[in-house]
Amino acid sequence: MFRLPAFSQLWVSMLALLALSVSARADISIHDLEFRTGIDGRPGIIFARLTNNGARPDSLVGVDSPHARIELHTHEMRDNIMRMRRVDAFSLAPDTDSVLKSGGHHLMVFDLAHDEHKSPLRLTFRFEHAPAVRAEVSHGDSHKTGRHKHH
């Protein structure tokens, strides 16, 4: 029976772990961010397009901001009335765009400090599998360029 030297066994094990970790990370990109501020203390709303470039499903599980509290919300029809409700995650199918839009999935912005209206809103999108993605969006503006960087 052929045995690899200890160093070679270690090298093969490290390569296998590296391949596993790379294949487990789906690359999520964020585009077309739009932030609509709330009026008279009401919550704001964020729309965007999230692209799962990976080969397996993932989920958006949260969005953090030092400027405000962000919640994942969706609309659903119940008793012929469209209702909005908070959800724990948005599913992101592989190799597909998921659009956060009016009447569907979106992000609600609560407790935005008044003086924060002048600076861009910094966001960190957290996923079940993929690494976090950081983004910025200005109040009342849309960023069709998809300014973001990976965490």
N, C-alpha and C. Protein backbone atom coordinates (compact mmCIF):
# COMPACT_ATOMS: atom_id res chain seq x y z
N MET A 1 0.84 -1.18 0.00
CA MET A 1 0.00 0.00 0.00
C MET A 1 0.88 1.24 0.00
N PHE A 2 0.57 2.19 -0.85
CA PHE A 2 1.34 3.42 -0.99
C PHE A 2 0.90 4.45 0.04
N ARG A 3 1.83 5.06 0.76
CA ARG A 3 1.53 6.08 1.78
C ARG A 3 2.23 7.37 1.40
N LEU A 4 1.49 8.46 1.48
CA LEU A 4 2.08 9.77 1.25
C LEU A 4 2.87 10.20 2.49
N PRO A 5 3.97 10.92 2.28
CA PRO A 5 4.68 11.48 3.44
C PRO A 5 3.76 12.43 4.20
N ALA A 6 4.04 12.63 5.48
CA ALA A 6 3.18 13.46 6.35
C ALA A 6 2.97 14.85 5.76
N PHE A 7 4.02 15.47 5.23
CA PHE A 7 3.90 16.81 4.65
C PHE A 7 2.92 16.80 3.48
N SER A 8 3.00 15.80 2.62
CA SER A 8 2.09 15.70 1.47
C SER A 8 0.65 15.49 1.92
N GLN A 9 0.44 14.69 2.97
CA GLN A 9 -0.91 14.49 3.49
C GLN A 9 -1.48 15.81 4.00
N LEU A 10 -0.67 16.58 4.70
CA LEU A 10 -1.10 17.88 5.20
C LEU A 10 -1.46 18.81 4.04
N TRP A 11 -0.63 18.83 3.01
CA TRP A 11 -0.85 19.68 1.84
C TRP A 11 -2.16 19.31 1.14
N VAL A 12 -2.40 18.04 0.94
CA VAL A 12 -3.63 17.57 0.29
C VAL A 12 -4.85 17.95 1.14
N SER A 13 -4.75 17.80 2.45
CA SER A 13 -5.86 18.17 3.34
C SER A 13 -6.16 19.66 3.26
N MET A 14 -5.11 20.48 3.25
CA MET A 14 -5.31 21.93 3.17
C MET A 14 -5.97 22.32 1.85
N LEU A 15 -5.54 21.72 0.75
CA LEU A 15 -6.15 22.01 -0.55
C LEU A 15 -7.62 21.61 -0.57
N ALA A 16 -7.94 20.48 0.02
CA ALA A 16 -9.34 20.03 0.07
C ALA A 16 -10.19 21.00 0.87
N LEU A 17 -9.69 21.47 2.01
CA LEU A 17 -10.43 22.45 2.81
C LEU A 17 -10.61 23.76 2.07
N LEU A 18 -9.56 24.21 1.38
CA LEU A 18 -9.65 25.45 0.61
C LEU A 18 -10.70 25.31 -0.49
N ALA A 19 -10.70 24.22 -1.21
CA ALA A 19 -11.69 24.00 -2.27
C ALA A 19 -13.09 23.98 -1.70
N LEU A 20 -13.28 23.35 -0.55
CA LEU A 20 -14.59 23.30 0.08
C LEU A 20 -15.05 24.68 0.49
N SER A 21 -14.17 25.50 1.08
CA SER A 21 -14.58 26.83 1.53
C SER A 21 -14.87 27.74 0.35
N VAL A 22 -14.13 27.64 -0.74
CA VAL A 22 -14.39 28.47 -1.91
C VAL A 22 -15.71 28.08 -2.56
N SER A 23 -15.99 26.78 -2.67
CA SER A 23 -17.23 26.36 -3.30
C SER A 23 -18.44 26.68 -2.44
N ALA A 24 -18.25 26.83 -1.12
CA ALA A 24 -19.37 27.10 -0.22
C ALA A 24 -19.76 28.58 -0.20
N ARG A 25 -18.93 29.45 -0.77
CA ARG A 25 -19.20 30.88 -0.73
C ARG A 25 -19.85 31.33 -2.03
N ALA A 26 -21.10 31.72 -1.95
CA ALA A 26 -21.78 32.29 -3.11
C ALA A 26 -21.49 33.78 -3.13
N ASP A 27 -21.26 34.33 -4.29
CA ASP A 27 -20.96 35.74 -4.43
C ASP A 27 -22.26 36.49 -4.71
N ILE A 28 -22.64 37.35 -3.79
CA ILE A 28 -23.86 38.15 -3.94
C ILE A 28 -23.46 39.57 -4.29
N SER A 29 -24.08 40.14 -5.31
CA SER A 29 -23.85 41.54 -5.65
C SER A 29 -25.15 42.32 -5.50
N ILE A 30 -25.01 43.61 -5.19
CA ILE A 30 -26.16 44.47 -4.93
C ILE A 30 -26.11 45.64 -5.90
N HIS A 31 -27.23 45.89 -6.57
CA HIS A 31 -27.32 46.93 -7.59
C HIS A 31 -28.59 47.75 -7.40
N ASP A 32 -28.64 48.89 -8.07
CA ASP A 32 -29.86 49.72 -8.17
C ASP A 32 -30.45 50.07 -6.81
N LEU A 33 -29.60 50.40 -5.84
CA LEU A 33 -30.09 50.81 -4.52
C LEU A 33 -30.87 52.10 -4.61
N GLU A 34 -31.99 52.15 -3.93
CA GLU A 34 -32.82 53.35 -3.87
C GLU A 34 -33.37 53.48 -2.46
N PHE A 35 -33.18 54.66 -1.85
CA PHE A 35 -33.65 54.91 -0.49
C PHE A 35 -34.63 56.06 -0.52
N ARG A 36 -35.84 55.79 -0.08
CA ARG A 36 -36.88 56.82 0.04
C ARG A 36 -37.09 57.11 1.52
N THR A 37 -36.75 58.32 1.93
CA THR A 37 -36.90 58.67 3.34
C THR A 37 -38.37 58.79 3.70
N GLY A 38 -38.67 58.51 4.96
CA GLY A 38 -40.03 58.66 5.45
C GLY A 38 -40.36 60.12 5.72
N ILE A 39 -41.63 60.44 5.74
CA ILE A 39 -42.09 61.81 5.98
C ILE A 39 -42.68 61.88 7.38
N ASP A 40 -42.40 62.97 8.08
CA ASP A 40 -42.94 63.20 9.42
C ASP A 40 -42.67 62.05 10.39
N GLY A 41 -41.44 61.56 10.40
CA GLY A 41 -41.06 60.51 11.34
C GLY A 41 -41.46 59.11 10.95
N ARG A 42 -42.07 58.96 9.78
CA ARG A 42 -42.45 57.61 9.33
C ARG A 42 -41.22 56.87 8.82
N PRO A 43 -41.29 55.54 8.79
CA PRO A 43 -40.14 54.76 8.32
C PRO A 43 -39.83 55.05 6.86
N GLY A 44 -38.56 54.92 6.52
CA GLY A 44 -38.13 55.00 5.13
C GLY A 44 -38.16 53.61 4.51
N ILE A 45 -37.82 53.55 3.23
CA ILE A 45 -37.87 52.27 2.52
C ILE A 45 -36.68 52.18 1.56
N ILE A 46 -36.14 50.99 1.42
CA ILE A 46 -35.03 50.75 0.50
C ILE A 46 -35.43 49.67 -0.49
N PHE A 47 -35.16 49.97 -1.78
CA PHE A 47 -35.34 49.00 -2.85
C PHE A 47 -33.96 48.69 -3.42
N ALA A 48 -33.81 47.53 -4.04
CA ALA A 48 -32.52 47.14 -4.62
C ALA A 48 -32.71 45.90 -5.49
N ARG A 49 -31.64 45.54 -6.17
CA ARG A 49 -31.59 44.28 -6.92
C ARG A 49 -30.39 43.50 -6.38
N LEU A 50 -30.65 42.28 -5.89
CA LEU A 50 -29.61 41.41 -5.36
C LEU A 50 -29.40 40.27 -6.34
N THR A 51 -28.15 40.04 -6.73
CA THR A 51 -27.84 38.98 -7.67
C THR A 51 -27.02 37.90 -6.98
N ASN A 52 -27.54 36.68 -6.99
CA ASN A 52 -26.80 35.53 -6.46
C ASN A 52 -26.03 34.92 -7.62
N ASN A 53 -24.73 35.20 -7.68
CA ASN A 53 -23.88 34.68 -8.74
C ASN A 53 -23.38 33.27 -8.45
N GLY A 54 -23.77 32.73 -7.31
CA GLY A 54 -23.30 31.42 -6.89
C GLY A 54 -24.11 30.29 -7.50
N ALA A 55 -23.66 29.07 -7.22
CA ALA A 55 -24.30 27.87 -7.77
C ALA A 55 -25.32 27.25 -6.82
N ARG A 56 -25.45 27.83 -5.62
CA ARG A 56 -26.42 27.26 -4.67
C ARG A 56 -27.27 28.37 -4.07
N PRO A 57 -28.44 28.01 -3.56
CA PRO A 57 -29.33 29.01 -2.96
C PRO A 57 -28.67 29.67 -1.74
N ASP A 58 -29.09 30.90 -1.48
CA ASP A 58 -28.64 31.62 -0.30
C ASP A 58 -29.83 32.41 0.21
N SER A 59 -29.65 33.13 1.29
CA SER A 59 -30.73 33.96 1.86
C SER A 59 -30.14 35.23 2.43
N LEU A 60 -30.83 36.34 2.21
CA LEU A 60 -30.52 37.57 2.91
C LEU A 60 -31.15 37.44 4.28
N VAL A 61 -30.34 37.49 5.34
CA VAL A 61 -30.87 37.27 6.69
C VAL A 61 -30.90 38.55 7.53
N GLY A 62 -30.34 39.62 7.01
CA GLY A 62 -30.39 40.87 7.75
C GLY A 62 -29.60 41.96 7.07
N VAL A 63 -29.91 43.20 7.46
CA VAL A 63 -29.17 44.36 6.99
C VAL A 63 -28.91 45.24 8.21
N ASP A 64 -27.66 45.60 8.40
CA ASP A 64 -27.27 46.44 9.53
C ASP A 64 -26.86 47.82 9.04
N SER A 65 -27.07 48.82 9.90
CA SER A 65 -26.64 50.18 9.61
C SER A 65 -26.32 50.88 10.93
N PRO A 66 -25.24 51.66 10.97
CA PRO A 66 -24.98 52.44 12.17
C PRO A 66 -25.93 53.63 12.31
N HIS A 67 -26.67 53.93 11.24
CA HIS A 67 -27.54 55.11 11.21
C HIS A 67 -28.99 54.83 11.57
N ALA A 68 -29.42 53.57 11.44
CA ALA A 68 -30.85 53.26 11.60
C ALA A 68 -31.03 51.77 11.86
N ARG A 69 -32.24 51.40 12.20
CA ARG A 69 -32.62 49.99 12.34
C ARG A 69 -33.29 49.57 11.03
N ILE A 70 -32.82 48.48 10.45
CA ILE A 70 -33.32 48.00 9.16
C ILE A 70 -34.03 46.66 9.37
N GLU A 71 -35.23 46.53 8.79
CA GLU A 71 -35.99 45.28 8.86
C GLU A 71 -36.34 44.80 7.45
N LEU A 72 -36.38 43.48 7.28
CA LEU A 72 -36.82 42.87 6.03
C LEU A 72 -38.34 42.75 6.08
N HIS A 73 -39.00 43.25 5.03
CA HIS A 73 -40.47 43.22 4.97
C HIS A 73 -40.93 42.69 3.62
N THR A 74 -42.17 42.23 3.59
CA THR A 74 -42.80 41.82 2.34
C THR A 74 -44.27 42.19 2.38
N HIS A 75 -44.89 42.18 1.23
CA HIS A 75 -46.34 42.39 1.13
C HIS A 75 -46.98 41.04 0.82
N GLU A 76 -48.17 40.84 1.37
CA GLU A 76 -48.92 39.63 1.05
C GLU A 76 -50.40 39.97 1.02
N MET A 77 -51.13 39.27 0.17
CA MET A 77 -52.57 39.48 0.06
C MET A 77 -53.27 38.58 1.07
N ARG A 78 -54.08 39.19 1.95
CA ARG A 78 -54.84 38.43 2.93
C ARG A 78 -56.23 39.05 3.03
N ASP A 79 -57.27 38.24 2.80
CA ASP A 79 -58.66 38.71 2.84
C ASP A 79 -58.88 39.88 1.88
N ASN A 80 -58.31 39.76 0.68
CA ASN A 80 -58.41 40.79 -0.36
C ASN A 80 -57.81 42.12 0.06
N ILE A 81 -56.92 42.11 1.02
CA ILE A 81 -56.24 43.32 1.46
C ILE A 81 -54.74 43.06 1.43
N MET A 82 -54.00 43.98 0.79
CA MET A 82 -52.54 43.87 0.75
C MET A 82 -51.99 44.32 2.10
N ARG A 83 -51.23 43.44 2.74
CA ARG A 83 -50.67 43.75 4.06
C ARG A 83 -49.15 43.60 4.02
N MET A 84 -48.50 44.44 4.80
CA MET A 84 -47.06 44.37 4.92
C MET A 84 -46.72 43.65 6.22
N ARG A 85 -45.68 42.80 6.17
CA ARG A 85 -45.25 42.12 7.39
C ARG A 85 -43.74 41.91 7.37
N ARG A 86 -43.19 41.83 8.57
CA ARG A 86 -41.76 41.59 8.73
C ARG A 86 -41.48 40.11 8.47
N VAL A 87 -40.32 39.82 7.86
CA VAL A 87 -39.89 38.44 7.61
C VAL A 87 -38.46 38.27 8.12
N ASP A 88 -38.07 37.02 8.31
CA ASP A 88 -36.73 36.71 8.82
C ASP A 88 -35.66 36.67 7.74
N ALA A 89 -36.06 36.38 6.49
CA ALA A 89 -35.08 36.22 5.41
C ALA A 89 -35.76 36.34 4.05
N PHE A 90 -34.95 36.67 3.04
CA PHE A 90 -35.38 36.62 1.64
C PHE A 90 -34.56 35.54 0.96
N SER A 91 -35.20 34.59 0.29
CA SER A 91 -34.50 33.54 -0.44
C SER A 91 -33.89 34.12 -1.71
N LEU A 92 -32.67 33.68 -2.02
CA LEU A 92 -31.96 34.12 -3.22
C LEU A 92 -31.58 32.88 -4.02
N ALA A 93 -32.29 32.63 -5.10
CA ALA A 93 -32.02 31.46 -5.94
C ALA A 93 -30.67 31.63 -6.65
N PRO A 94 -30.00 30.52 -6.95
CA PRO A 94 -28.70 30.62 -7.62
C PRO A 94 -28.81 31.21 -9.02
N ASP A 95 -27.80 31.98 -9.39
CA ASP A 95 -27.68 32.57 -10.73
C ASP A 95 -28.94 33.35 -11.12
N THR A 96 -29.49 34.11 -10.16
CA THR A 96 -30.75 34.82 -10.37
C THR A 96 -30.72 36.17 -9.68
N ASP A 97 -31.47 37.13 -10.24
CA ASP A 97 -31.69 38.42 -9.59
C ASP A 97 -32.93 38.34 -8.72
N SER A 98 -32.86 38.92 -7.53
CA SER A 98 -34.02 39.09 -6.65
C SER A 98 -34.21 40.59 -6.48
N VAL A 99 -35.40 41.07 -6.79
CA VAL A 99 -35.66 42.50 -6.77
C VAL A 99 -36.45 42.88 -5.53
N LEU A 100 -35.91 43.83 -4.78
CA LEU A 100 -36.63 44.41 -3.65
C LEU A 100 -37.36 45.61 -4.21
N LYS A 101 -38.71 45.58 -4.19
CA LYS A 101 -39.49 46.60 -4.88
C LYS A 101 -40.79 46.89 -4.14
N SER A 102 -41.43 47.96 -4.55
CA SER A 102 -42.73 48.34 -3.99
C SER A 102 -43.74 47.23 -4.28
N GLY A 103 -44.50 46.84 -3.27
CA GLY A 103 -45.49 45.79 -3.44
C GLY A 103 -44.94 44.39 -3.27
N GLY A 104 -43.64 44.27 -2.98
CA GLY A 104 -43.00 42.97 -2.79
C GLY A 104 -42.04 43.03 -1.62
N HIS A 105 -40.93 42.29 -1.74
CA HIS A 105 -39.89 42.36 -0.71
C HIS A 105 -39.26 43.75 -0.72
N HIS A 106 -38.92 44.26 0.45
CA HIS A 106 -38.26 45.56 0.58
C HIS A 106 -37.64 45.67 1.96
N LEU A 107 -36.86 46.71 2.18
CA LEU A 107 -36.24 46.97 3.48
C LEU A 107 -36.89 48.19 4.09
N MET A 108 -37.30 48.10 5.35
CA MET A 108 -37.86 49.23 6.07
C MET A 108 -36.77 49.84 6.95
N VAL A 109 -36.72 51.18 6.97
CA VAL A 109 -35.71 51.92 7.72
C VAL A 109 -36.39 52.64 8.87
N PHE A 110 -36.03 52.26 10.10
CA PHE A 110 -36.63 52.84 11.30
C PHE A 110 -35.58 53.61 12.10
N ASP A 111 -36.07 54.57 12.87
CA ASP A 111 -35.23 55.29 13.85
C ASP A 111 -34.02 55.97 13.22
N LEU A 112 -34.19 56.53 12.03
CA LEU A 112 -33.11 57.26 11.38
C LEU A 112 -32.92 58.59 12.10
N ALA A 113 -31.71 58.84 12.57
CA ALA A 113 -31.43 60.09 13.26
C ALA A 113 -31.60 61.26 12.29
N HIS A 114 -32.20 62.35 12.77
CA HIS A 114 -32.51 63.50 11.91
C HIS A 114 -31.28 64.03 11.20
N ASP A 115 -30.14 64.13 11.90
CA ASP A 115 -28.93 64.67 11.28
C ASP A 115 -28.30 63.72 10.27
N GLU A 116 -28.75 62.49 10.23
CA GLU A 116 -28.21 61.52 9.27
C GLU A 116 -28.81 61.68 7.87
N HIS A 117 -29.79 62.56 7.71
CA HIS A 117 -30.42 62.74 6.40
C HIS A 117 -29.46 63.33 5.37
N LYS A 118 -28.37 63.93 5.81
CA LYS A 118 -27.46 64.60 4.88
C LYS A 118 -26.32 63.70 4.41
N SER A 119 -26.03 62.64 5.12
CA SER A 119 -24.94 61.75 4.73
C SER A 119 -25.50 60.45 4.17
N PRO A 120 -24.72 59.76 3.33
CA PRO A 120 -25.20 58.48 2.80
C PRO A 120 -25.47 57.48 3.91
N LEU A 121 -26.43 56.63 3.68
CA LEU A 121 -26.79 55.57 4.62
C LEU A 121 -25.86 54.39 4.35
N ARG A 122 -25.06 54.02 5.35
CA ARG A 122 -24.16 52.87 5.21
C ARG A 122 -24.91 51.60 5.60
N LEU A 123 -24.78 50.57 4.77
CA LEU A 123 -25.50 49.32 4.97
C LEU A 123 -24.54 48.14 4.92
N THR A 124 -24.82 47.12 5.70
CA THR A 124 -24.11 45.85 5.60
C THR A 124 -25.15 44.75 5.44
N PHE A 125 -25.17 44.14 4.26
CA PHE A 125 -26.11 43.06 3.95
C PHE A 125 -25.49 41.75 4.43
N ARG A 126 -26.23 40.99 5.27
CA ARG A 126 -25.76 39.72 5.82
C ARG A 126 -26.53 38.56 5.17
N PHE A 127 -25.79 37.51 4.82
CA PHE A 127 -26.37 36.36 4.13
C PHE A 127 -26.14 35.08 4.93
N GLU A 128 -26.94 34.08 4.61
CA GLU A 128 -26.80 32.79 5.29
C GLU A 128 -25.45 32.15 4.99
N HIS A 129 -25.01 32.20 3.73
CA HIS A 129 -23.77 31.54 3.32
C HIS A 129 -22.71 32.51 2.82
N ALA A 130 -23.08 33.45 2.00
CA ALA A 130 -22.12 34.36 1.37
C ALA A 130 -21.56 35.35 2.39
N PRO A 131 -20.38 35.88 2.10
CA PRO A 131 -19.84 36.91 2.98
C PRO A 131 -20.70 38.17 2.92
N ALA A 132 -20.62 38.97 3.97
CA ALA A 132 -21.39 40.22 4.03
C ALA A 132 -20.96 41.16 2.91
N VAL A 133 -21.91 42.00 2.47
CA VAL A 133 -21.64 42.99 1.43
C VAL A 133 -21.99 44.36 1.99
N ARG A 134 -21.06 45.28 1.86
CA ARG A 134 -21.29 46.66 2.31
C ARG A 134 -21.72 47.51 1.14
N ALA A 135 -22.61 48.47 1.43
CA ALA A 135 -23.10 49.38 0.39
C ALA A 135 -23.46 50.71 1.03
N GLU A 136 -23.58 51.74 0.22
CA GLU A 136 -24.04 53.05 0.66
C GLU A 136 -25.10 53.53 -0.30
N VAL A 137 -26.08 54.27 0.25
CA VAL A 137 -27.11 54.85 -0.60
C VAL A 137 -27.47 56.21 -0.02
N SER A 138 -27.64 57.20 -0.89
CA SER A 138 -28.03 58.54 -0.45
C SER A 138 -29.53 58.62 -0.26
N HIS A 139 -29.95 59.52 0.58
CA HIS A 139 -31.37 59.70 0.87
C HIS A 139 -32.09 60.30 -0.34
N GLY A 140 -33.16 59.66 -0.74
CA GLY A 140 -33.95 60.16 -1.85
C GLY A 140 -33.35 59.92 -3.22
N ASP A 141 -32.16 59.32 -3.26
CA ASP A 141 -31.49 59.06 -4.53
C ASP A 141 -31.51 57.58 -4.83
N SER A 142 -31.27 57.26 -6.08
CA SER A 142 -31.06 55.86 -6.43
C SER A 142 -29.66 55.75 -7.01
N HIS A 143 -29.02 54.63 -6.75
CA HIS A 143 -27.68 54.36 -7.26
C HIS A 143 -27.80 53.24 -8.28
N LYS A 144 -27.91 53.59 -9.52
CA LYS A 144 -28.03 52.57 -10.56
C LYS A 144 -26.68 51.91 -10.86
N THR A 145 -25.61 52.46 -10.28
CA THR A 145 -24.29 51.90 -10.52
C THR A 145 -23.97 50.74 -9.60
N GLY A 146 -24.73 50.59 -8.52
CA GLY A 146 -24.50 49.47 -7.61
C GLY A 146 -23.22 49.61 -6.81
N ARG A 147 -22.99 50.78 -6.21
CA ARG A 147 -21.78 50.99 -5.41
C ARG A 147 -21.80 50.05 -4.22
N HIS A 148 -20.89 49.11 -4.20
CA HIS A 148 -20.78 48.21 -3.06
C HIS A 148 -19.39 47.61 -3.01
N LYS A 149 -19.03 47.10 -1.86
CA LYS A 149 -17.77 46.38 -1.74
C LYS A 149 -17.99 45.20 -0.82
N HIS A 150 -17.19 44.17 -1.03
CA HIS A 150 -17.32 42.96 -0.21
C HIS A 150 -16.61 43.14 1.10
N HIS A 151 -17.16 42.54 2.13
CA HIS A 151 -16.66 42.65 3.51
C HIS A 151 -15.58 41.63 3.76
